[in-house]
Amino acid sequence: MSWIDTHAHFDAAEFDTTRSDDWAHAQRLGVVAQVVPAVAPFNFETVRGLAHAYTGTVYALGIHPMYVNSLDVDVALAELRGALLANIEDSRLVAVGEIGLDGFVEGIDQDKQLAIYQGQLKLAREFNLPVLLHVRRAQDTVIKYLRQFGIKQGIAHAFNGSFSQAQAYIKQGIHLGFGGMMTFEKSNQIRRLAAELPIESLVLETDAPDMSPAWAYKENNYSYYLPRIAETLMTLRGLSAAHLSAQLRNNTLNALPKIQSVL
């Protein structure tokens, strides 16, 4: 079976001493591709470099809402636009991300966060790229601006909203990312969503090194855990590995068409 990790922070310092071995291990277990999102201009070149250094690796360029406080809105958006313009012909650039809104972490400048999110949606539309969305306690606002800016492709990473919010994303053309949280038996809502939402709307992810699965609680997460995470989804859906693998591959291609370049 083959699996695609649609969200992994492969550039994180946690992997600095083991990165090559970690990815080789993931590939041996059937992980054929990983998507590495940027978080701010300081790591644009890093994620691009990793995508070109490792087989099966693609990247996204964007500004994470938790990094906005230290940025000038206009300067940051200009840097992102310049990077997108310079790399738009790069087959390994697959999305604008990680972008979105975070209403959970205290101390984030909400006005700046919203301005940068809106600006990035404009850029996604300008460059005809999908989006990788970070959303915490802001689902309805994120959806509102997806509609306003006509964004109809991408992934709501680590989805943890309601069924009605899930339907709103799906109606907008956005896929929903599920990962390690789904493996906790007490994650009742997330497991219900994973079990009952249209299978065509789902993709898998790790968010490595964060959001570790139940068997690695409070430890680092890795892309090589993805096949085992997939087993949880197989159980919840009552699907064979072959069926789920093929379906998720199609879903990921629909969400991020340029990932085809590494498959």
Protein backbone atom coordinates (compact mmCIF):
# COMPACT_ATOMS: atom_id res chain seq x y z
CA MET A 1 0.00 0.00 0.00
CA SER A 2 1.12 3.60 -0.54
CA TRP A 3 0.34 6.60 1.63
CA ILE A 4 0.76 10.37 1.34
CA ASP A 5 1.50 12.59 4.34
CA THR A 6 -0.27 15.83 3.41
CA HIS A 7 1.23 17.85 6.29
CA ALA A 8 4.67 17.33 7.84
CA HIS A 9 7.05 19.96 9.19
CA PHE A 10 10.03 18.03 7.88
CA ASP A 11 12.24 21.09 8.39
CA ALA A 12 11.72 21.09 12.18
CA ALA A 13 14.82 21.05 14.37
CA GLU A 14 13.60 17.83 15.98
CA PHE A 15 14.64 16.02 12.79
CA ASP A 16 18.05 17.62 12.31
CA THR A 17 20.05 14.56 13.40
CA THR A 18 17.76 11.87 11.98
CA ARG A 19 16.03 13.46 8.94
CA SER A 20 17.39 11.20 6.20
CA ASP A 21 16.89 8.03 8.24
CA ASP A 22 13.37 9.09 9.22
CA TRP A 23 12.29 9.63 5.63
CA ALA A 24 13.96 6.43 4.42
CA HIS A 25 12.09 4.52 7.13
CA ALA A 26 8.79 6.12 6.09
CA GLN A 27 9.39 5.18 2.46
CA ARG A 28 10.14 1.57 3.38
CA LEU A 29 6.73 1.46 5.09
CA GLY A 30 4.95 2.77 2.00
CA VAL A 31 4.86 6.55 2.52
CA VAL A 32 5.49 7.74 -1.03
CA ALA A 33 5.12 11.50 -0.59
CA GLN A 34 5.09 14.24 2.02
CA VAL A 35 3.97 17.88 1.89
CA VAL A 36 6.20 20.31 3.80
CA PRO A 37 4.53 23.68 4.52
CA ALA A 38 6.41 26.86 5.32
CA VAL A 39 5.47 28.99 8.33
CA ALA A 40 7.05 32.39 7.54
CA PRO A 41 9.52 33.97 5.10
CA PHE A 42 12.48 32.79 7.19
CA ASN A 43 11.94 29.16 6.14
CA PHE A 44 10.76 29.56 2.56
CA GLU A 45 14.14 28.53 1.14
CA THR A 46 14.52 25.74 3.70
CA VAL A 47 11.31 23.93 2.75
CA ARG A 48 12.03 24.44 -0.95
CA GLY A 49 15.51 23.00 -0.51
CA LEU A 50 14.22 19.96 1.35
CA ALA A 51 11.63 19.30 -1.35
CA HIS A 52 14.37 19.15 -3.95
CA ALA A 53 16.77 17.15 -1.78
CA TYR A 54 14.40 14.30 -0.83
CA THR A 55 12.43 12.06 -3.17
CA GLY A 56 8.68 12.23 -2.82
CA THR A 57 8.81 15.60 -1.09
CA VAL A 58 6.86 18.70 -2.11
CA TYR A 59 6.35 22.04 -0.39
CA ALA A 60 4.02 24.96 0.23
CA LEU A 61 4.86 28.60 0.85
CA GLY A 62 2.85 30.63 3.34
CA ILE A 63 2.68 32.48 6.65
CA HIS A 64 1.35 30.60 9.68
CA PRO A 65 -0.97 32.65 11.92
CA MET A 66 1.19 31.99 14.98
CA TYR A 67 4.14 33.82 13.35
CA VAL A 68 2.41 37.07 12.44
CA ASN A 69 3.24 39.23 15.47
CA SER A 70 6.83 39.93 14.43
CA LEU A 71 5.93 40.68 10.82
CA ASP A 72 4.99 43.80 8.92
CA VAL A 73 1.86 42.83 6.98
CA ASP A 74 2.74 44.51 3.69
CA VAL A 75 6.39 43.44 3.76
CA ALA A 76 5.56 39.81 4.61
CA LEU A 77 2.92 39.54 1.90
CA ALA A 78 5.30 41.11 -0.61
CA GLU A 79 7.97 38.54 0.34
CA LEU A 80 5.48 35.72 -0.10
CA ARG A 81 4.31 37.04 -3.45
CA GLY A 82 7.91 37.32 -4.61
CA ALA A 83 8.64 33.74 -3.55
CA LEU A 84 5.51 32.42 -5.26
CA LEU A 85 6.33 34.32 -8.43
CA ALA A 86 9.89 33.00 -8.43
CA ASN A 87 8.82 29.39 -7.92
CA ILE A 88 5.42 29.11 -9.59
CA GLU A 89 6.88 26.93 -12.37
CA ASP A 90 8.47 24.61 -9.81
CA SER A 91 6.56 21.32 -9.97
CA ARG A 92 7.25 20.74 -6.28
CA LEU A 93 5.47 23.90 -5.14
CA VAL A 94 1.96 22.56 -4.56
CA ALA A 95 0.11 25.08 -2.38
CA VAL A 96 -0.01 28.29 -0.38
CA GLY A 97 0.43 27.25 3.23
CA GLU A 98 0.42 26.95 6.09
CA ILE A 99 -2.09 29.78 6.41
CA GLY A 100 -5.22 30.46 8.43
CA LEU A 101 -6.49 31.75 11.74
CA ASP A 102 -5.81 30.72 15.34
CA GLY A 103 -8.24 31.74 18.07
CA PHE A 104 -6.75 29.36 20.63
CA VAL A 105 -3.27 30.74 21.32
CA GLU A 106 -3.33 33.91 23.39
CA GLY A 107 -1.31 36.97 22.43
CA ILE A 108 -1.65 36.81 18.65
CA ASP A 109 -2.50 40.14 17.04
CA GLN A 110 -5.96 39.31 15.66
CA ASP A 111 -6.11 42.20 13.21
CA LYS A 112 -2.70 41.35 11.77
CA GLN A 113 -3.58 37.66 11.65
CA LEU A 114 -6.76 38.36 9.66
CA ALA A 115 -5.03 40.80 7.29
CA ILE A 116 -2.29 38.29 6.49
CA TYR A 117 -4.82 35.49 6.02
CA GLN A 118 -6.86 37.59 3.60
CA GLY A 119 -3.75 38.66 1.74
CA GLN A 120 -2.66 35.06 1.32
CA LEU A 121 -6.05 34.04 -0.03
CA LYS A 122 -5.66 36.75 -2.65
CA LEU A 123 -2.26 35.32 -3.56
CA ALA A 124 -3.62 31.77 -3.75
CA ARG A 125 -6.26 33.04 -6.16
CA GLU A 126 -3.71 35.04 -8.16
CA PHE A 127 -1.37 32.07 -8.59
CA ASN A 128 -4.16 29.48 -8.87
CA LEU A 129 -2.81 27.37 -6.00
CA PRO A 130 -4.65 25.36 -3.34
CA VAL A 131 -4.35 26.32 0.33
CA LEU A 132 -3.18 24.44 3.42
CA LEU A 133 -5.26 25.76 6.29
CA HIS A 134 -4.47 26.03 10.00
CA VAL A 135 -7.74 26.56 11.88
CA ARG A 136 -8.32 26.66 15.63
CA ARG A 137 -11.45 28.22 17.12
CA ALA A 138 -11.97 30.11 13.87
CA GLN A 139 -13.70 27.67 11.52
CA ASP A 140 -16.59 29.90 10.50
CA THR A 141 -14.36 32.92 9.85
CA VAL A 142 -11.92 30.87 7.79
CA ILE A 143 -14.79 29.48 5.72
CA LYS A 144 -16.31 32.95 5.29
CA TYR A 145 -13.16 34.27 3.61
CA LEU A 146 -12.62 31.15 1.52
CA ARG A 147 -16.02 31.91 0.03
CA GLN A 148 -15.31 35.62 -0.29
CA PHE A 149 -12.05 35.08 -2.18
CA GLY A 150 -13.34 32.16 -4.23
CA ILE A 151 -10.87 29.56 -2.96
CA LYS A 152 -12.11 26.13 -3.98
CA GLN A 153 -9.19 23.78 -3.48
CA GLY A 154 -6.97 22.74 -0.59
CA ILE A 155 -6.93 21.07 2.82
CA ALA A 156 -8.20 22.08 6.25
CA HIS A 157 -5.33 20.54 8.18
CA ALA A 158 -6.04 18.70 11.48
CA PHE A 159 -9.76 19.21 11.11
CA ASN A 160 -11.59 19.38 14.43
CA GLY A 161 -14.75 21.32 13.68
CA SER A 162 -18.40 20.29 13.61
CA PHE A 163 -20.26 18.25 11.03
CA SER A 164 -21.90 21.39 9.65
CA GLN A 165 -18.53 23.12 9.36
CA ALA A 166 -17.12 20.03 7.65
CA GLN A 167 -19.95 20.18 5.13
CA ALA A 168 -19.22 23.86 4.52
CA TYR A 169 -15.57 23.08 3.71
CA ILE A 170 -16.59 20.19 1.47
CA LYS A 171 -19.11 22.36 -0.38
CA GLN A 172 -16.31 24.86 -0.93
CA GLY A 173 -14.08 22.14 -2.43
CA ILE A 174 -11.76 21.85 0.57
CA HIS A 175 -10.57 18.44 1.81
CA LEU A 176 -10.23 17.60 5.50
CA GLY A 177 -7.01 16.35 7.10
CA PHE A 178 -7.02 13.64 9.77
CA GLY A 179 -4.04 12.31 11.68
CA GLY A 180 -2.78 11.28 15.08
CA MET A 181 -5.68 12.65 17.12
CA MET A 182 -7.93 10.13 15.41
CA THR A 183 -5.99 7.29 17.10
CA PHE A 184 -7.05 8.30 20.63
CA GLU A 185 -10.11 6.32 21.68
CA LYS A 186 -11.43 9.29 23.68
CA SER A 187 -11.35 11.58 20.61
CA ASN A 188 -15.00 10.80 20.04
CA GLN A 189 -15.89 13.75 17.80
CA ILE A 190 -12.86 13.42 15.54
CA ARG A 191 -13.39 9.67 15.22
CA ARG A 192 -17.06 10.18 14.36
CA LEU A 193 -16.13 12.72 11.71
CA ALA A 194 -13.52 10.38 10.25
CA ALA A 195 -16.01 7.53 10.21
CA GLU A 196 -19.04 9.34 8.82
CA LEU A 197 -17.93 12.14 6.50
CA PRO A 198 -17.81 11.36 2.78
CA ILE A 199 -14.68 9.30 2.19
CA GLU A 200 -13.95 11.45 -0.90
CA SER A 201 -13.37 14.46 1.40
CA LEU A 202 -10.63 12.95 3.59
CA VAL A 203 -6.83 13.01 3.44
CA LEU A 204 -4.21 11.76 5.90
CA GLU A 205 -1.46 13.69 7.64
CA THR A 206 0.90 13.56 10.60
CA ASP A 207 1.78 17.21 11.35
CA ALA A 208 5.14 15.78 12.40
CA PRO A 209 6.76 16.42 14.82
CA ASP A 210 3.50 17.54 16.49
CA MET A 211 0.09 15.91 17.10
CA SER A 212 1.55 12.51 17.84
CA PRO A 213 -0.64 9.38 17.76
CA ALA A 214 -1.75 7.55 20.88
CA TRP A 215 1.19 5.13 20.96
CA ALA A 216 3.68 8.05 20.93
CA TYR A 217 1.82 10.38 23.29
CA LYS A 218 4.02 13.31 24.39
CA GLU A 219 6.77 12.15 22.03
CA ASN A 220 7.75 13.36 18.56
CA ASN A 221 5.57 12.42 15.62
CA TYR A 222 7.05 11.05 12.37
CA SER A 223 5.85 10.43 8.83
CA TYR A 224 6.67 6.76 9.29
CA TYR A 225 3.72 6.56 11.70
CA LEU A 226 1.31 7.36 8.85
CA PRO A 227 0.61 3.75 7.77
CA ARG A 228 -0.33 2.87 11.35
CA ILE A 229 -2.52 5.98 11.58
CA ALA A 230 -4.17 4.78 8.37
CA GLU A 231 -5.04 1.51 10.11
CA THR A 232 -7.27 3.47 12.49
CA LEU A 233 -9.12 4.98 9.55
CA MET A 234 -9.48 1.54 7.97
CA THR A 235 -11.09 0.27 11.16
CA LEU A 236 -13.38 3.28 11.55
CA ARG A 237 -14.55 3.04 7.93
CA GLY A 238 -14.54 -0.74 7.56
CA LEU A 239 -12.32 -0.52 4.48
CA SER A 240 -9.45 -2.64 3.24
CA ALA A 241 -5.97 -1.18 3.06
CA ALA A 242 -6.01 -1.37 -0.74
CA HIS A 243 -9.35 0.43 -1.02
CA LEU A 244 -8.37 3.16 1.45
CA SER A 245 -4.94 3.70 -0.07
CA ALA A 246 -6.37 4.15 -3.57
CA GLN A 247 -9.15 6.43 -2.38
CA LEU A 248 -6.83 8.67 -0.36
CA ARG A 249 -4.40 8.93 -3.27
CA ASN A 250 -7.22 10.19 -5.49
CA ASN A 251 -8.41 12.56 -2.78
CA THR A 252 -4.94 14.03 -2.33
CA LEU A 253 -4.52 14.52 -6.07
CA ASN A 254 -7.84 16.36 -6.15
CA ALA A 255 -6.77 18.57 -3.25
CA LEU A 256 -3.18 19.17 -4.44
CA PRO A 257 -2.93 18.37 -8.16
CA LYS A 258 0.76 19.24 -8.50
CA ILE A 259 1.72 16.45 -6.09
CA GLN A 260 1.42 14.21 -9.15
CA SER A 261 4.98 15.28 -10.00
CA VAL A 262 6.43 13.06 -7.25
CA LEU A 263 4.04 10.08 -7.44
